[in-house]
C-alpha atoms as a PDB file:
ATOM      1  CA  UNK A   1      65.467  48.897 -29.921  1.00  0.00           C
ATOM      2  CA  UNK A   2      64.947  46.460 -32.774  1.00  0.00           C
ATOM      3  CA  UNK A   3      65.437  43.570 -30.311  1.00  0.00           C
ATOM      4  CA  UNK A   4      62.775  45.040 -28.068  1.00  0.00           C
ATOM      5  CA  UNK A   5      60.317  45.468 -30.873  1.00  0.00           C
ATOM      6  CA  UNK A   6      60.819  41.860 -32.086  1.00  0.00           C
ATOM      7  CA  UNK A   7      60.750  40.299 -28.608  1.00  0.00           C
ATOM      8  CA  UNK A   8      57.461  42.025 -27.702  1.00  0.00           C
ATOM      9  CA  UNK A   9      55.643  40.739 -30.696  1.00  0.00           C
ATOM     10  CA  UNK A  10      52.327  39.256 -29.723  1.00  0.00           C
ATOM     11  CA  UNK A  11      49.174  39.427 -31.822  1.00  0.00           C
ATOM     12  CA  UNK A  12      46.540  41.991 -30.870  1.00  0.00           C
ATOM     13  CA  UNK A  13      44.194  39.143 -30.091  1.00  0.00           C
ATOM     14  CA  UNK A  14      46.827  37.635 -27.668  1.00  0.00           C
ATOM     15  CA  UNK A  15      47.316  40.912 -26.035  1.00  0.00           C
ATOM     16  CA  UNK A  16      43.592  41.479 -25.606  1.00  0.00           C
ATOM     17  CA  UNK A  17      43.291  38.040 -23.970  1.00  0.00           C
ATOM     18  CA  UNK A  18      46.221  38.767 -21.718  1.00  0.00           C
ATOM     19  CA  UNK A  19      44.590  42.014 -20.618  1.00  0.00           C
ATOM     20  CA  UNK A  20      41.259  40.409 -19.961  1.00  0.00           C
ATOM     21  CA  UNK A  21      42.587  37.377 -18.141  1.00  0.00           C
ATOM     22  CA  UNK A  22      45.053  39.544 -16.191  1.00  0.00           C
ATOM     23  CA  UNK A  23      42.182  41.750 -14.966  1.00  0.00           C
ATOM     24  CA  UNK A  24      40.086  38.690 -14.134  1.00  0.00           C
ATOM     25  CA  UNK A  25      42.944  37.135 -12.171  1.00  0.00           C
ATOM     26  CA  UNK A  26      43.399  40.400 -10.331  1.00  0.00           C
ATOM     27  CA  UNK A  27      39.729  40.214  -9.277  1.00  0.00           C
ATOM     28  CA  UNK A  28      40.379  36.682  -7.901  1.00  0.00           C
ATOM     29  CA  UNK A  29      43.866  37.118  -6.355  1.00  0.00           C
ATOM     30  CA  UNK A  30      43.176  40.508  -4.713  1.00  0.00           C
ATOM     31  CA  UNK A  31      40.412  39.430  -2.243  1.00  0.00           C
ATOM     32  CA  UNK A  32      42.298  36.298  -1.324  1.00  0.00           C
ATOM     33  CA  UNK A  33      45.531  38.140  -0.628  1.00  0.00           C
ATOM     34  CA  UNK A  34      43.687  40.959   1.268  1.00  0.00           C
ATOM     35  CA  UNK A  35      41.695  38.331   3.305  1.00  0.00           C
ATOM     36  CA  UNK A  36      44.848  36.671   4.605  1.00  0.00           C
ATOM     37  CA  UNK A  37      46.455  40.076   5.181  1.00  0.00           C
ATOM     38  CA  UNK A  38      43.393  41.271   7.184  1.00  0.00           C
ATOM     39  CA  UNK A  39      43.066  38.161   9.365  1.00  0.00           C
ATOM     40  CA  UNK A  40      46.865  38.162  10.061  1.00  0.00           C
ATOM     41  CA  UNK A  41      46.302  41.399  12.034  1.00  0.00           C
ATOM     42  CA  UNK A  42      49.489  42.871  10.737  1.00  0.00           C
ATOM     43  CA  UNK A  43      49.522  46.141  12.689  1.00  0.00           C
ATOM     44  CA  UNK A  44      50.254  48.697   9.948  1.00  0.00           C
ATOM     45  CA  UNK A  45      49.382  49.313   6.292  1.00  0.00           C
ATOM     46  CA  UNK A  46      51.440  48.134   3.342  1.00  0.00           C
ATOM     47  CA  UNK A  47      53.251  51.392   2.725  1.00  0.00           C
ATOM     48  CA  UNK A  48      54.272  51.860   6.398  1.00  0.00           C
ATOM     49  CA  UNK A  49      55.541  48.254   6.505  1.00  0.00           C
ATOM     50  CA  UNK A  50      57.227  48.123   3.202  1.00  0.00           C
ATOM     51  CA  UNK A  51      58.928  51.483   3.414  1.00  0.00           C
ATOM     52  CA  UNK A  52      60.141  51.278   7.055  1.00  0.00           C
ATOM     53  CA  UNK A  53      63.790  50.683   6.084  1.00  0.00           C
ATOM     54  CA  UNK A  54      64.258  49.554   9.779  1.00  0.00           C
ATOM     55  CA  UNK A  55      64.465  45.919  11.060  1.00  0.00           C
ATOM     56  CA  UNK A  56      63.580  47.003  14.572  1.00  0.00           C
ATOM     57  CA  UNK A  57      60.300  48.534  13.366  1.00  0.00           C
ATOM     58  CA  UNK A  58      59.430  45.311  11.514  1.00  0.00           C
ATOM     59  CA  UNK A  59      60.318  43.230  14.584  1.00  0.00           C
ATOM     60  CA  UNK A  60      58.069  45.449  16.725  1.00  0.00           C
ATOM     61  CA  UNK A  61      55.217  44.720  14.201  1.00  0.00           C
ATOM     62  CA  UNK A  62      55.843  40.961  14.493  1.00  0.00           C
ATOM     63  CA  UNK A  63      55.988  41.258  18.243  1.00  0.00           C
ATOM     64  CA  UNK A  64      52.346  42.356  18.234  1.00  0.00           C
ATOM     65  CA  UNK A  65      51.369  39.150  16.392  1.00  0.00           C
ATOM     66  CA  UNK A  66      51.123  35.522  17.448  1.00  0.00           C
ATOM     67  CA  UNK A  67      52.628  32.651  15.539  1.00  0.00           C
ATOM     68  CA  UNK A  68      49.373  31.851  13.718  1.00  0.00           C
ATOM     69  CA  UNK A  69      48.986  35.488  12.652  1.00  0.00           C
ATOM     70  CA  UNK A  70      52.522  35.525  11.279  1.00  0.00           C
ATOM     71  CA  UNK A  71      51.772  32.318   9.256  1.00  0.00           C
ATOM     72  CA  UNK A  72      48.595  34.033   7.864  1.00  0.00           C
ATOM     73  CA  UNK A  73      50.763  37.040   6.997  1.00  0.00           C
ATOM     74  CA  UNK A  74      53.131  34.733   5.140  1.00  0.00           C
ATOM     75  CA  UNK A  75      50.177  33.278   3.236  1.00  0.00           C
ATOM     76  CA  UNK A  76      49.103  36.811   2.259  1.00  0.00           C
ATOM     77  CA  UNK A  77      52.574  37.431   0.870  1.00  0.00           C
ATOM     78  CA  UNK A  78      52.524  34.143  -1.029  1.00  0.00           C
ATOM     79  CA  UNK A  79      49.184  34.981  -2.587  1.00  0.00           C
ATOM     80  CA  UNK A  80      50.645  38.371  -3.408  1.00  0.00           C
ATOM     81  CA  UNK A  81      52.782  36.573  -6.079  1.00  0.00           C
ATOM     82  CA  UNK A  82      49.578  35.751  -7.948  1.00  0.00           C
ATOM     83  CA  UNK A  83      48.464  39.319  -7.654  1.00  0.00           C
ATOM     84  CA  UNK A  84      51.805  40.779  -8.819  1.00  0.00           C
ATOM     85  CA  UNK A  85      52.032  38.433 -11.806  1.00  0.00           C
ATOM     86  CA  UNK A  86      48.455  39.340 -12.870  1.00  0.00           C
ATOM     87  CA  UNK A  87      49.240  43.010 -12.540  1.00  0.00           C
ATOM     88  CA  UNK A  88      52.373  42.527 -14.595  1.00  0.00           C
ATOM     89  CA  UNK A  89      50.398  40.781 -17.310  1.00  0.00           C
ATOM     90  CA  UNK A  90      47.995  43.713 -17.465  1.00  0.00           C
ATOM     91  CA  UNK A  91      50.677  46.387 -17.418  1.00  0.00           C
ATOM     92  CA  UNK A  92      52.688  44.545 -19.989  1.00  0.00           C
ATOM     93  CA  UNK A  93      49.820  43.854 -22.419  1.00  0.00           C
ATOM     94  CA  UNK A  94      48.240  47.320 -22.105  1.00  0.00           C
ATOM     95  CA  UNK A  95      51.606  49.033 -22.471  1.00  0.00           C
ATOM     96  CA  UNK A  96      52.400  47.027 -25.649  1.00  0.00           C
ATOM     97  CA  UNK A  97      49.011  47.790 -27.094  1.00  0.00           C
ATOM     98  CA  UNK A  98      49.481  51.557 -26.356  1.00  0.00           C
ATOM     99  CA  UNK A  99      52.975  51.526 -27.786  1.00  0.00           C
ATOM    100  CA  UNK A 100      51.804  50.017 -31.076  1.00  0.00           C
ATOM    101  CA  UNK A 101      49.377  52.871 -31.669  1.00  0.00           C
ATOM    102  CA  UNK A 102      52.275  55.199 -32.424  1.00  0.00           C
ATOM    103  CA  UNK A 103      54.281  55.418 -35.624  1.00  0.00           C
ATOM    104  CA  UNK A 104      57.474  53.467 -35.937  1.00  0.00           C
ATOM    105  CA  UNK A 105      59.759  56.526 -35.541  1.00  0.00           C
ATOM    106  CA  UNK A 106      57.590  58.135 -32.831  1.00  0.00           C
ATOM    107  CA  UNK A 107      59.233  59.253 -29.625  1.00  0.00           C
ATOM    108  CA  UNK A 108      56.249  57.871 -27.778  1.00  0.00           C
ATOM    109  CA  UNK A 109      56.850  54.383 -29.275  1.00  0.00           C
ATOM    110  CA  UNK A 110      60.405  54.496 -27.985  1.00  0.00           C
ATOM    111  CA  UNK A 111      59.224  55.696 -24.594  1.00  0.00           C
ATOM    112  CA  UNK A 112      56.657  52.941 -24.644  1.00  0.00           C
ATOM    113  CA  UNK A 113      59.427  50.355 -24.984  1.00  0.00           C
ATOM    114  CA  UNK A 114      61.052  51.720 -21.869  1.00  0.00           C
ATOM    115  CA  UNK A 115      57.849  51.549 -19.889  1.00  0.00           C
ATOM    116  CA  UNK A 116      57.216  47.922 -20.907  1.00  0.00           C
ATOM    117  CA  UNK A 117      60.570  47.001 -19.450  1.00  0.00           C
ATOM    118  CA  UNK A 118      59.999  49.110 -16.340  1.00  0.00           C
ATOM    119  CA  UNK A 119      56.629  47.429 -15.746  1.00  0.00           C
ATOM    120  CA  UNK A 120      58.339  44.001 -15.754  1.00  0.00           C
ATOM    121  CA  UNK A 121      61.177  45.302 -13.595  1.00  0.00           C
ATOM    122  CA  UNK A 122      58.670  46.597 -11.058  1.00  0.00           C
ATOM    123  CA  UNK A 123      57.219  43.083 -10.760  1.00  0.00           C
ATOM    124  CA  UNK A 124      60.706  41.530 -10.345  1.00  0.00           C
ATOM    125  CA  UNK A 125      61.419  44.056  -7.492  1.00  0.00           C
ATOM    126  CA  UNK A 126      58.053  43.211  -5.956  1.00  0.00           C
ATOM    127  CA  UNK A 127      58.895  39.515  -6.006  1.00  0.00           C
ATOM    128  CA  UNK A 128      62.324  40.167  -4.474  1.00  0.00           C
ATOM    129  CA  UNK A 129      60.710  42.345  -1.788  1.00  0.00           C
ATOM    130  CA  UNK A 130      58.362  39.497  -0.894  1.00  0.00           C
ATOM    131  CA  UNK A 131      61.311  37.086  -0.539  1.00  0.00           C
ATOM    132  CA  UNK A 132      62.651  39.397   2.172  1.00  0.00           C
ATOM    133  CA  UNK A 133      59.224  39.644   3.818  1.00  0.00           C
ATOM    134  CA  UNK A 134      59.080  35.871   3.965  1.00  0.00           C
ATOM    135  CA  UNK A 135      62.667  35.661   5.261  1.00  0.00           C
ATOM    136  CA  UNK A 136      61.810  38.135   8.073  1.00  0.00           C
ATOM    137  CA  UNK A 137      58.523  36.377   8.907  1.00  0.00           C
ATOM    138  CA  UNK A 138      60.347  33.044   9.132  1.00  0.00           C
ATOM    139  CA  UNK A 139      62.495  34.523  11.968  1.00  0.00           C
ATOM    140  CA  UNK A 140      60.445  37.401  13.270  1.00  0.00           C
ATOM    141  CA  UNK A 141      62.558  38.045  16.392  1.00  0.00           C
ATOM    142  CA  UNK A 142      66.085  37.537  15.171  1.00  0.00           C
ATOM    143  CA  UNK A 143      66.268  38.189  11.401  1.00  0.00           C
ATOM    144  CA  UNK A 144      69.210  40.428  10.426  1.00  0.00           C
ATOM    145  CA  UNK A 145      68.097  44.073  10.294  1.00  0.00           C
ATOM    146  CA  UNK A 146      69.619  44.489   6.852  1.00  0.00           C
ATOM    147  CA  UNK A 147      66.753  42.284   5.516  1.00  0.00           C
ATOM    148  CA  UNK A 148      64.390  45.129   6.278  1.00  0.00           C
ATOM    149  CA  UNK A 149      66.650  47.645   4.557  1.00  0.00           C
ATOM    150  CA  UNK A 150      66.920  45.582   1.367  1.00  0.00           C
ATOM    151  CA  UNK A 151      63.188  44.751   1.547  1.00  0.00           C
ATOM    152  CA  UNK A 152      62.305  48.469   1.730  1.00  0.00           C
ATOM    153  CA  UNK A 153      64.655  49.390  -1.099  1.00  0.00           C
ATOM    154  CA  UNK A 154      63.000  46.779  -3.354  1.00  0.00           C
ATOM    155  CA  UNK A 155      59.589  48.150  -2.284  1.00  0.00           C
ATOM    156  CA  UNK A 156      60.686  51.687  -3.069  1.00  0.00           C
ATOM    157  CA  UNK A 157      61.923  50.686  -6.526  1.00  0.00           C
ATOM    158  CA  UNK A 158      58.760  48.667  -7.092  1.00  0.00           C
ATOM    159  CA  UNK A 159      56.513  51.598  -6.222  1.00  0.00           C
ATOM    160  CA  UNK A 160      58.577  54.121  -8.193  1.00  0.00           C
ATOM    161  CA  UNK A 161      58.522  51.987 -11.372  1.00  0.00           C
ATOM    162  CA  UNK A 162      54.930  50.934 -10.942  1.00  0.00           C
ATOM    163  CA  UNK A 163      53.847  54.576 -10.499  1.00  0.00           C
ATOM    164  CA  UNK A 164      55.809  55.501 -13.620  1.00  0.00           C
ATOM    165  CA  UNK A 165      54.088  52.879 -15.707  1.00  0.00           C
ATOM    166  CA  UNK A 166      50.657  53.754 -14.272  1.00  0.00           C
ATOM    167  CA  UNK A 167      51.258  57.395 -15.339  1.00  0.00           C
ATOM    168  CA  UNK A 168      52.551  56.338 -18.779  1.00  0.00           C
ATOM    169  CA  UNK A 169      49.388  54.275 -19.567  1.00  0.00           C
ATOM    170  CA  UNK A 170      46.889  57.266 -19.544  1.00  0.00           C
ATOM    171  CA  UNK A 171      49.425  59.667 -21.087  1.00  0.00           C
ATOM    172  CA  UNK A 172      50.055  57.078 -23.868  1.00  0.00           C
ATOM    173  CA  UNK A 173      46.337  56.742 -24.399  1.00  0.00           C
ATOM    174  CA  UNK A 174      45.803  60.484 -24.545  1.00  0.00           C
ATOM    175  CA  UNK A 175      48.653  61.142 -26.992  1.00  0.00           C
ATOM    176  CA  UNK A 176      47.946  58.103 -29.185  1.00  0.00           C
ATOM    177  CA  UNK A 177      46.645  59.289 -32.585  1.00  0.00           C
ATOM    178  CA  UNK A 178      45.282  55.786 -33.357  1.00  0.00           C
ATOM    179  CA  UNK A 179      43.614  55.131 -29.972  1.00  0.00           C
ATOM    180  CA  UNK A 180      39.984  55.110 -31.231  1.00  0.00           C
ATOM    181  CA  UNK A 181      40.753  53.242 -34.417  1.00  0.00           C
ATOM    182  CA  UNK A 182      41.592  49.917 -32.797  1.00  0.00           C
END
């Protein structure tokens, strides 16, 4: 854990700026990503698409779209990288700030280290998931069905880890004895 504590050293000021700029970038990236997603006319919501685990279902979605709409869908997923990176920056910086509020030997500080890593892993899984989305969208009729399976497993891992971190943040804030002192 000593390696984790040293590798996550950033000043409070840096973490504050990371949090602020991360949130600002989310405010910019989200509407752009959602705009392209909406005009692409992708026929189902994110969860239904990302957790289908079935290439034939994804192919049926693409079959309802024309080539231009599929290209717009690809753009939405490219802009999603900006969104996911900004979300990662926010989760990372907030998680470090919360972790630092606990004493050095605190169980919560050790748990905080785990959730910092899980937050970064969720972003990595999100990025890998998008690679498979783009691979499928590049060949919407004939992509190998296992792409959808791998894509959905990355999405499942992303959502699971992301949910865990998003639960950790308020719990960490509630149990932090120094929360109101910083």
